[in-house]
């Protein structure tokens, strides 16, 4: 599933392995997935967006990839820091 979203052919610099995430509790859900509180690399508290792959089209996957590329570059005190996908 992750390879379908992020692409097996190239490794984006923002790519995080699922084994690096620990899911704690679900915070909410929407039509495309869920948001969880958890840990990144067992150290940092993070929000995790978990996408339901059965609910999205290839166009949505490309939009998500483009959003990740943009968010990986953003740094501002009023924005939540993007760690990866």
PDB file of N, CA and C in Angstrom:
ATOM      1  N   UNK A   1       0.807  -1.195   0.000  1.00  0.00           N
ATOM      2  CA  UNK A   1       0.000   0.000   0.000  1.00  0.00           C
ATOM      3  C   UNK A   1       0.852   1.261   0.000  1.00  0.00           C
ATOM      4  N   UNK A   2       1.824   1.328   0.896  1.00  0.00           N
ATOM      5  CA  UNK A   2       2.661   2.527   0.987  1.00  0.00           C
ATOM      6  C   UNK A   2       3.394   2.744  -0.322  1.00  0.00           C
ATOM      7  N   UNK A   3       3.851   1.669  -0.949  1.00  0.00           N
ATOM      8  CA  UNK A   3       4.570   1.814  -2.210  1.00  0.00           C
ATOM      9  C   UNK A   3       3.664   2.400  -3.286  1.00  0.00           C
ATOM     10  N   UNK A   4       2.367   2.056  -3.244  1.00  0.00           N
ATOM     11  CA  UNK A   4       1.439   2.619  -4.220  1.00  0.00           C
ATOM     12  C   UNK A   4       1.307   4.122  -4.033  1.00  0.00           C
ATOM     13  N   UNK A   5       1.289   4.564  -2.787  1.00  0.00           N
ATOM     14  CA  UNK A   5       1.138   6.001  -2.516  1.00  0.00           C
ATOM     15  C   UNK A   5       2.422   6.751  -2.820  1.00  0.00           C
ATOM     16  N   UNK A   6       3.539   6.258  -2.309  1.00  0.00           N
ATOM     17  CA  UNK A   6       4.789   7.008  -2.420  1.00  0.00           C
ATOM     18  C   UNK A   6       5.655   6.570  -3.588  1.00  0.00           C
ATOM     19  N   UNK A   7       5.367   5.441  -4.161  1.00  0.00           N
ATOM     20  CA  UNK A   7       6.112   4.997  -5.327  1.00  0.00           C
ATOM     21  C   UNK A   7       7.327   4.182  -4.955  1.00  0.00           C
ATOM     22  N   UNK A   8       7.385   2.956  -5.445  1.00  0.00           N
ATOM     23  CA  UNK A   8       8.519   2.081  -5.168  1.00  0.00           C
ATOM     24  C   UNK A   8       9.732   2.485  -5.998  1.00  0.00           C
ATOM     25  N   UNK A   9       9.481   3.183  -7.114  1.00  0.00           N
ATOM     26  CA  UNK A   9      10.570   3.500  -8.033  1.00  0.00           C
ATOM     27  C   UNK A   9      11.488   4.603  -7.540  1.00  0.00           C
ATOM     28  N   UNK A  10      11.020   5.454  -6.637  1.00  0.00           N
ATOM     29  CA  UNK A  10      11.895   6.495  -6.118  1.00  0.00           C
ATOM     30  C   UNK A  10      11.668   6.642  -4.616  1.00  0.00           C
ATOM     31  N   UNK A  11      12.704   6.996  -3.916  1.00  0.00           N
ATOM     32  CA  UNK A  11      12.626   7.173  -2.476  1.00  0.00           C
ATOM     33  C   UNK A  11      12.574   8.654  -2.157  1.00  0.00           C
ATOM     34  N   UNK A  12      11.416   9.132  -1.777  1.00  0.00           N
ATOM     35  CA  UNK A  12      11.281  10.527  -1.403  1.00  0.00           C
ATOM     36  C   UNK A  12      12.030  10.764  -0.099  1.00  0.00           C
ATOM     37  N   UNK A  13      12.635  11.925   0.085  1.00  0.00           N
ATOM     38  CA  UNK A  13      13.395  12.194   1.307  1.00  0.00           C
ATOM     39  C   UNK A  13      12.531  12.225   2.559  1.00  0.00           C
ATOM     40  N   UNK A  14      11.215  12.369   2.398  1.00  0.00           N
ATOM     41  CA  UNK A  14      10.314  12.438   3.544  1.00  0.00           C
ATOM     42  C   UNK A  14       9.727  11.078   3.912  1.00  0.00           C
ATOM     43  N   UNK A  15      10.176  10.015   3.264  1.00  0.00           N
ATOM     44  CA  UNK A  15       9.599   8.685   3.470  1.00  0.00           C
ATOM     45  C   UNK A  15       9.918   8.147   4.857  1.00  0.00           C
ATOM     46  N   UNK A  16       8.901   7.668   5.581  1.00  0.00           N
ATOM     47  CA  UNK A  16       9.052   7.055   6.900  1.00  0.00           C
ATOM     48  C   UNK A  16       8.547   5.625   6.799  1.00  0.00           C
ATOM     49  N   UNK A  17       9.305   4.679   7.328  1.00  0.00           N
ATOM     50  CA  UNK A  17       8.882   3.282   7.345  1.00  0.00           C
ATOM     51  C   UNK A  17       7.794   3.104   8.389  1.00  0.00           C
ATOM     52  N   UNK A  18       6.823   2.253   8.096  1.00  0.00           N
ATOM     53  CA  UNK A  18       5.735   2.013   9.041  1.00  0.00           C
ATOM     54  C   UNK A  18       6.278   1.440  10.354  1.00  0.00           C
ATOM     55  N   UNK A  19       7.374   0.723  10.297  1.00  0.00           N
ATOM     56  CA  UNK A  19       7.966   0.154  11.517  1.00  0.00           C
ATOM     57  C   UNK A  19       8.509   1.234  12.455  1.00  0.00           C
ATOM     58  N   UNK A  20       8.686   2.469  11.957  1.00  0.00           N
ATOM     59  CA  UNK A  20       9.166   3.577  12.782  1.00  0.00           C
ATOM     60  C   UNK A  20       8.036   4.279  13.540  1.00  0.00           C
ATOM     61  N   UNK A  21       6.785   3.863  13.287  1.00  0.00           N
ATOM     62  CA  UNK A  21       5.624   4.484  13.904  1.00  0.00           C
ATOM     63  C   UNK A  21       4.994   3.567  14.934  1.00  0.00           C
ATOM     64  N   UNK A  22       4.553   4.164  16.033  1.00  0.00           N
ATOM     65  CA  UNK A  22       3.767   3.456  17.034  1.00  0.00           C
ATOM     66  C   UNK A  22       2.439   4.189  17.145  1.00  0.00           C
ATOM     67  N   UNK A  23       1.338   3.478  16.862  1.00  0.00           N
ATOM     68  CA  UNK A  23       0.006   4.063  16.931  1.00  0.00           C
ATOM     69  C   UNK A  23      -0.517   3.939  18.361  1.00  0.00           C
ATOM     70  N   UNK A  24      -0.957   5.056  18.950  1.00  0.00           N
ATOM     71  CA  UNK A  24      -1.431   5.054  20.325  1.00  0.00           C
ATOM     72  C   UNK A  24      -2.959   5.052  20.375  1.00  0.00           C
ATOM     73  N   UNK A  25      -3.579   6.150  19.904  1.00  0.00           N
ATOM     74  CA  UNK A  25      -5.039   6.233  19.947  1.00  0.00           C
ATOM     75  C   UNK A  25      -5.540   7.048  18.757  1.00  0.00           C
ATOM     76  N   UNK A  26      -6.735   6.676  18.288  1.00  0.00           N
ATOM     77  CA  UNK A  26      -7.321   7.393  17.170  1.00  0.00           C
ATOM     78  C   UNK A  26      -7.884   8.719  17.663  1.00  0.00           C
ATOM     79  N   UNK A  27      -7.556   9.787  16.946  1.00  0.00           N
ATOM     80  CA  UNK A  27      -8.030  11.126  17.290  1.00  0.00           C
ATOM     81  C   UNK A  27      -9.284  11.505  16.515  1.00  0.00           C
ATOM     82  N   UNK A  28      -9.406  10.972  15.304  1.00  0.00           N
ATOM     83  CA  UNK A  28     -10.554  11.293  14.470  1.00  0.00           C
ATOM     84  C   UNK A  28     -10.483  10.555  13.155  1.00  0.00           C
ATOM     85  N   UNK A  29     -11.558  10.650  12.383  1.00  0.00           N
ATOM     86  CA  UNK A  29     -11.571  10.010  11.072  1.00  0.00           C
ATOM     87  C   UNK A  29     -12.425  10.802  10.108  1.00  0.00           C
ATOM     88  N   UNK A  30     -12.106  10.628   8.840  1.00  0.00           N
ATOM     89  CA  UNK A  30     -12.835  11.287   7.775  1.00  0.00           C
ATOM     90  C   UNK A  30     -13.097  10.305   6.659  1.00  0.00           C
ATOM     91  N   UNK A  31     -13.502  10.809   5.516  1.00  0.00           N
ATOM     92  CA  UNK A  31     -13.870   9.932   4.411  1.00  0.00           C
ATOM     93  C   UNK A  31     -12.682   9.185   3.810  1.00  0.00           C
ATOM     94  N   UNK A  32     -11.472   9.743   3.925  1.00  0.00           N
ATOM     95  CA  UNK A  32     -10.304   9.099   3.330  1.00  0.00           C
ATOM     96  C   UNK A  32      -9.410   8.387   4.336  1.00  0.00           C
ATOM     97  N   UNK A  33      -9.687   8.511   5.626  1.00  0.00           N
ATOM     98  CA  UNK A  33      -8.828   7.820   6.573  1.00  0.00           C
ATOM     99  C   UNK A  33      -8.994   8.291   7.998  1.00  0.00           C
ATOM    100  N   UNK A  34      -7.967   8.004   8.792  1.00  0.00           N
ATOM    101  CA  UNK A  34      -7.978   8.272  10.223  1.00  0.00           C
ATOM    102  C   UNK A  34      -6.758   9.086  10.624  1.00  0.00           C
ATOM    103  N   UNK A  35      -6.885   9.800  11.738  1.00  0.00           N
ATOM    104  CA  UNK A  35      -5.748  10.506  12.327  1.00  0.00           C
ATOM    105  C   UNK A  35      -5.519   9.910  13.707  1.00  0.00           C
ATOM    106  N   UNK A  36      -4.279   9.497  13.954  1.00  0.00           N
ATOM    107  CA  UNK A  36      -3.892   8.846  15.198  1.00  0.00           C
ATOM    108  C   UNK A  36      -2.845   9.669  15.936  1.00  0.00           C
ATOM    109  N   UNK A  37      -2.857   9.583  17.256  1.00  0.00           N
ATOM    110  CA  UNK A  37      -1.747  10.064  18.077  1.00  0.00           C
ATOM    111  C   UNK A  37      -0.792   8.892  18.197  1.00  0.00           C
ATOM    112  N   UNK A  38       0.501   9.179  18.129  1.00  0.00           N
ATOM    113  CA  UNK A  38       1.471   8.100  18.226  1.00  0.00           C
ATOM    114  C   UNK A  38       2.873   8.619  18.434  1.00  0.00           C
ATOM    115  N   UNK A  39       3.823   7.727  18.201  1.00  0.00           N
ATOM    116  CA  UNK A  39       5.234   8.063  18.372  1.00  0.00           C
ATOM    117  C   UNK A  39       5.995   7.799  17.074  1.00  0.00           C
ATOM    118  N   UNK A  40       6.947   8.666  16.795  1.00  0.00           N
ATOM    119  CA  UNK A  40       7.870   8.477  15.679  1.00  0.00           C
ATOM    120  C   UNK A  40       9.197   8.027  16.262  1.00  0.00           C
ATOM    121  N   UNK A  41       9.645   6.869  15.835  1.00  0.00           N
ATOM    122  CA  UNK A  41      10.908   6.268  16.302  1.00  0.00           C
ATOM    123  C   UNK A  41      10.955   6.151  17.831  1.00  0.00           C
ATOM    124  N   UNK A  42       9.771   5.932  18.428  1.00  0.00           N
ATOM    125  CA  UNK A  42       9.614   5.735  19.875  1.00  0.00           C
ATOM    126  C   UNK A  42      10.108   6.909  20.709  1.00  0.00           C
ATOM    127  N   UNK A  43      10.273   8.079  20.087  1.00  0.00           N
ATOM    128  CA  UNK A  43      10.806   9.243  20.791  1.00  0.00           C
ATOM    129  C   UNK A  43       9.895  10.457  20.770  1.00  0.00           C
ATOM    130  N   UNK A  44       9.332  10.740  19.617  1.00  0.00           N
ATOM    131  CA  UNK A  44       8.629  12.009  19.418  1.00  0.00           C
ATOM    132  C   UNK A  44       7.129  11.786  19.239  1.00  0.00           C
ATOM    133  N   UNK A  45       6.323  12.509  20.006  1.00  0.00           N
ATOM    134  CA  UNK A  45       4.868  12.424  19.881  1.00  0.00           C
ATOM    135  C   UNK A  45       4.463  13.100  18.568  1.00  0.00           C
ATOM    136  N   UNK A  46       3.668  12.395  17.771  1.00  0.00           N
ATOM    137  CA  UNK A  46       3.258  12.905  16.462  1.00  0.00           C
ATOM    138  C   UNK A  46       1.793  12.565  16.197  1.00  0.00           C
ATOM    139  N   UNK A  47       1.217  13.263  15.225  1.00  0.00           N
ATOM    140  CA  UNK A  47      -0.084  12.899  14.674  1.00  0.00           C
ATOM    141  C   UNK A  47       0.190  12.107  13.404  1.00  0.00           C
ATOM    142  N   UNK A  48      -0.513  11.000  13.222  1.00  0.00           N
ATOM    143  CA  UNK A  48      -0.299  10.116  12.076  1.00  0.00           C
ATOM    144  C   UNK A  48      -1.584  10.070  11.251  1.00  0.00           C
ATOM    145  N   UNK A  49      -1.469  10.421   9.977  1.00  0.00           N
ATOM    146  CA  UNK A  49      -2.607  10.354   9.063  1.00  0.00           C
ATOM    147  C   UNK A  49      -2.550   9.004   8.360  1.00  0.00           C
ATOM    148  N   UNK A  50      -3.542   8.169   8.587  1.00  0.00           N
ATOM    149  CA  UNK A  50      -3.587   6.819   8.006  1.00  0.00           C
ATOM    150  C   UNK A  50      -4.679   6.795   6.945  1.00  0.00           C
ATOM    151  N   UNK A  51      -4.275   6.612   5.691  1.00  0.00           N
ATOM    152  CA  UNK A  51      -5.202   6.680   4.560  1.00  0.00           C
ATOM    153  C   UNK A  51      -5.807   5.313   4.286  1.00  0.00           C
ATOM    154  N   UNK A  52      -7.117   5.278   4.024  1.00  0.00           N
ATOM    155  CA  UNK A  52      -7.789   4.046   3.596  1.00  0.00           C
ATOM    156  C   UNK A  52      -7.553   3.900   2.099  1.00  0.00           C
ATOM    157  N   UNK A  53      -6.693   2.984   1.724  1.00  0.00           N
ATOM    158  CA  UNK A  53      -6.298   2.846   0.323  1.00  0.00           C
ATOM    159  C   UNK A  53      -7.464   2.487  -0.589  1.00  0.00           C
ATOM    160  N   UNK A  54      -8.462   1.796  -0.075  1.00  0.00           N
ATOM    161  CA  UNK A  54      -9.599   1.403  -0.908  1.00  0.00           C
ATOM    162  C   UNK A  54     -10.476   2.587  -1.290  1.00  0.00           C
ATOM    163  N   UNK A  55     -10.294   3.711  -0.628  1.00  0.00           N
ATOM    164  CA  UNK A  55     -11.160   4.864  -0.829  1.00  0.00           C
ATOM    165  C   UNK A  55     -10.602   5.908  -1.789  1.00  0.00           C
ATOM    166  N   UNK A  56      -9.372   5.735  -2.280  1.00  0.00           N
ATOM    167  CA  UNK A  56      -8.790   6.815  -3.077  1.00  0.00           C
ATOM    168  C   UNK A  56      -8.389   6.359  -4.474  1.00  0.00           C
ATOM    169  N   UNK A  57      -8.417   7.300  -5.380  1.00  0.00           N
ATOM    170  CA  UNK A  57      -8.055   7.045  -6.769  1.00  0.00           C
ATOM    171  C   UNK A  57      -6.577   7.351  -6.992  1.00  0.00           C
ATOM    172  N   UNK A  58      -6.089   6.986  -8.160  1.00  0.00           N
ATOM    173  CA  UNK A  58      -4.704   7.304  -8.512  1.00  0.00           C
ATOM    174  C   UNK A  58      -4.461   8.815  -8.516  1.00  0.00           C
ATOM    175  N   UNK A  59      -5.460   9.595  -8.920  1.00  0.00           N
ATOM    176  CA  UNK A  59      -5.327  11.057  -8.912  1.00  0.00           C
ATOM    177  C   UNK A  59      -5.164  11.567  -7.482  1.00  0.00           C
ATOM    178  N   UNK A  60      -5.905  10.989  -6.541  1.00  0.00           N
ATOM    179  CA  UNK A  60      -5.775  11.388  -5.132  1.00  0.00           C
ATOM    180  C   UNK A  60      -4.395  11.026  -4.595  1.00  0.00           C
ATOM    181  N   UNK A  61      -3.865   9.901  -5.027  1.00  0.00           N
ATOM    182  CA  UNK A  61      -2.522   9.485  -4.599  1.00  0.00           C
ATOM    183  C   UNK A  61      -1.489  10.492  -5.085  1.00  0.00           C
ATOM    184  N   UNK A  62      -1.613  10.926  -6.333  1.00  0.00           N
ATOM    185  CA  UNK A  62      -0.681  11.923  -6.866  1.00  0.00           C
ATOM    186  C   UNK A  62      -0.813  13.251  -6.118  1.00  0.00           C
ATOM    187  N   UNK A  63      -2.038  13.635  -5.786  1.00  0.00           N
ATOM    188  CA  UNK A  63      -2.251  14.862  -5.011  1.00  0.00           C
ATOM    189  C   UNK A  63      -1.602  14.749  -3.636  1.00  0.00           C
ATOM    190  N   UNK A  64      -1.730  13.590  -2.999  1.00  0.00           N
ATOM    191  CA  UNK A  64      -1.128  13.375  -1.681  1.00  0.00           C
ATOM    192  C   UNK A  64       0.396  13.450  -1.773  1.00  0.00           C
ATOM    193  N   UNK A  65       0.974  12.844  -2.810  1.00  0.00           N
ATOM    194  CA  UNK A  65       2.427  12.892  -3.006  1.00  0.00           C
ATOM    195  C   UNK A  65       2.897  14.341  -3.177  1.00  0.00           C
ATOM    196  N   UNK A  66       2.151  15.123  -3.960  1.00  0.00           N
ATOM    197  CA  UNK A  66       2.514  16.530  -4.173  1.00  0.00           C
ATOM    198  C   UNK A  66       2.389  17.315  -2.868  1.00  0.00           C
ATOM    199  N   UNK A  67       1.347  17.036  -2.085  1.00  0.00           N
ATOM    200  CA  UNK A  67       1.176  17.700  -0.790  1.00  0.00           C
ATOM    201  C   UNK A  67       2.353  17.384   0.136  1.00  0.00           C
ATOM    202  N   UNK A  68       2.803  16.135   0.144  1.00  0.00           N
ATOM    203  CA  UNK A  68       3.950  15.738   0.974  1.00  0.00           C
ATOM    204  C   UNK A  68       5.205  16.492   0.574  1.00  0.00           C
ATOM    205  N   UNK A  69       5.434  16.629  -0.724  1.00  0.00           N
ATOM    206  CA  UNK A  69       6.623  17.333  -1.204  1.00  0.00           C
ATOM    207  C   UNK A  69       6.610  18.796  -0.779  1.00  0.00           C
ATOM    208  N   UNK A  70       5.445  19.418  -0.821  1.00  0.00           N
ATOM    209  CA  UNK A  70       5.326  20.823  -0.404  1.00  0.00           C
ATOM    210  C   UNK A  70       5.485  20.943   1.110  1.00  0.00           C
ATOM    211  N   UNK A  71       4.781  20.107   1.856  1.00  0.00           N
ATOM    212  CA  UNK A  71       4.815  20.201   3.316  1.00  0.00           C
ATOM    213  C   UNK A  71       6.196  19.902   3.878  1.00  0.00           C
ATOM    214  N   UNK A  72       6.965  19.069   3.200  1.00  0.00           N
ATOM    215  CA  UNK A  72       8.316  18.748   3.663  1.00  0.00           C
ATOM    216  C   UNK A  72       9.231  19.970   3.649  1.00  0.00           C
ATOM    217  N   UNK A  73       8.876  20.973   2.867  1.00  0.00           N
ATOM    218  CA  UNK A  73       9.705  22.179   2.744  1.00  0.00           C
ATOM    219  C   UNK A  73       9.260  23.326   3.651  1.00  0.00           C
ATOM    220  N   UNK A  74       8.062  23.222   4.232  1.00  0.00           N
ATOM    221  CA  UNK A  74       7.505  24.331   5.008  1.00  0.00           C
ATOM    222  C   UNK A  74       8.055  24.370   6.430  1.00  0.00           C
ATOM    223  N   UNK A  75       8.427  25.560   6.872  1.00  0.00           N
ATOM    224  CA  UNK A  75       8.858  25.803   8.250  1.00  0.00           C
ATOM    225  C   UNK A  75       8.259  27.135   8.695  1.00  0.00           C
ATOM    226  N   UNK A  76       7.371  27.084   9.675  1.00  0.00           N
ATOM    227  CA  UNK A  76       6.739  28.293  10.182  1.00  0.00           C
ATOM    228  C   UNK A  76       6.217  28.007  11.581  1.00  0.00           C
ATOM    229  N   UNK A  77       6.324  28.952  12.513  1.00  0.00           N
ATOM    230  CA  UNK A  77       5.877  28.701  13.881  1.00  0.00           C
ATOM    231  C   UNK A  77       4.375  28.438  14.012  1.00  0.00           C
ATOM    232  N   UNK A  78       3.586  28.837  13.035  1.00  0.00           N
ATOM    233  CA  UNK A  78       2.140  28.620  13.099  1.00  0.00           C
ATOM    234  C   UNK A  78       1.689  27.366  12.360  1.00  0.00           C
ATOM    235  N   UNK A  79       2.621  26.585  11.842  1.00  0.00           N
ATOM    236  CA  UNK A  79       2.288  25.351  11.125  1.00  0.00           C
ATOM    237  C   UNK A  79       2.843  24.142  11.867  1.00  0.00           C
ATOM    238  N   UNK A  80       2.107  23.059  11.814  1.00  0.00           N
ATOM    239  CA  UNK A  80       2.585  21.797  12.377  1.00  0.00           C
ATOM    240  C   UNK A  80       3.710  21.289  11.472  1.00  0.00           C
ATOM    241  N   UNK A  81       4.810  20.875  12.074  1.00  0.00           N
ATOM    242  CA  UNK A  81       5.960  20.385  11.298  1.00  0.00           C
ATOM    243  C   UNK A  81       5.649  19.031  10.666  1.00  0.00           C
ATOM    244  N   UNK A  82       5.887  18.914   9.396  1.00  0.00           N
ATOM    245  CA  UNK A  82       5.709  17.660   8.641  1.00  0.00           C
ATOM    246  C   UNK A  82       6.995  16.853   8.782  1.00  0.00           C
ATOM    247  N   UNK A  83       6.875  15.630   9.285  1.00  0.00           N
ATOM    248  CA  UNK A  83       8.041  14.770   9.463  1.00  0.00           C
ATOM    249  C   UNK A  83       8.231  13.800   8.304  1.00  0.00           C
ATOM    250  N   UNK A  84       7.150  13.363   7.689  1.00  0.00           N
ATOM    251  CA  UNK A  84       7.289  12.424   6.590  1.00  0.00           C
ATOM    252  C   UNK A  84       6.004  11.667   6.325  1.00  0.00           C
ATOM    253  N   UNK A  85       6.092  10.778   5.339  1.00  0.00           N
ATOM    254  CA  UNK A  85       4.939   9.976   4.927  1.00  0.00           C
ATOM    255  C   UNK A  85       5.373   8.553   4.668  1.00  0.00           C
TER     256      UNK A  85
END
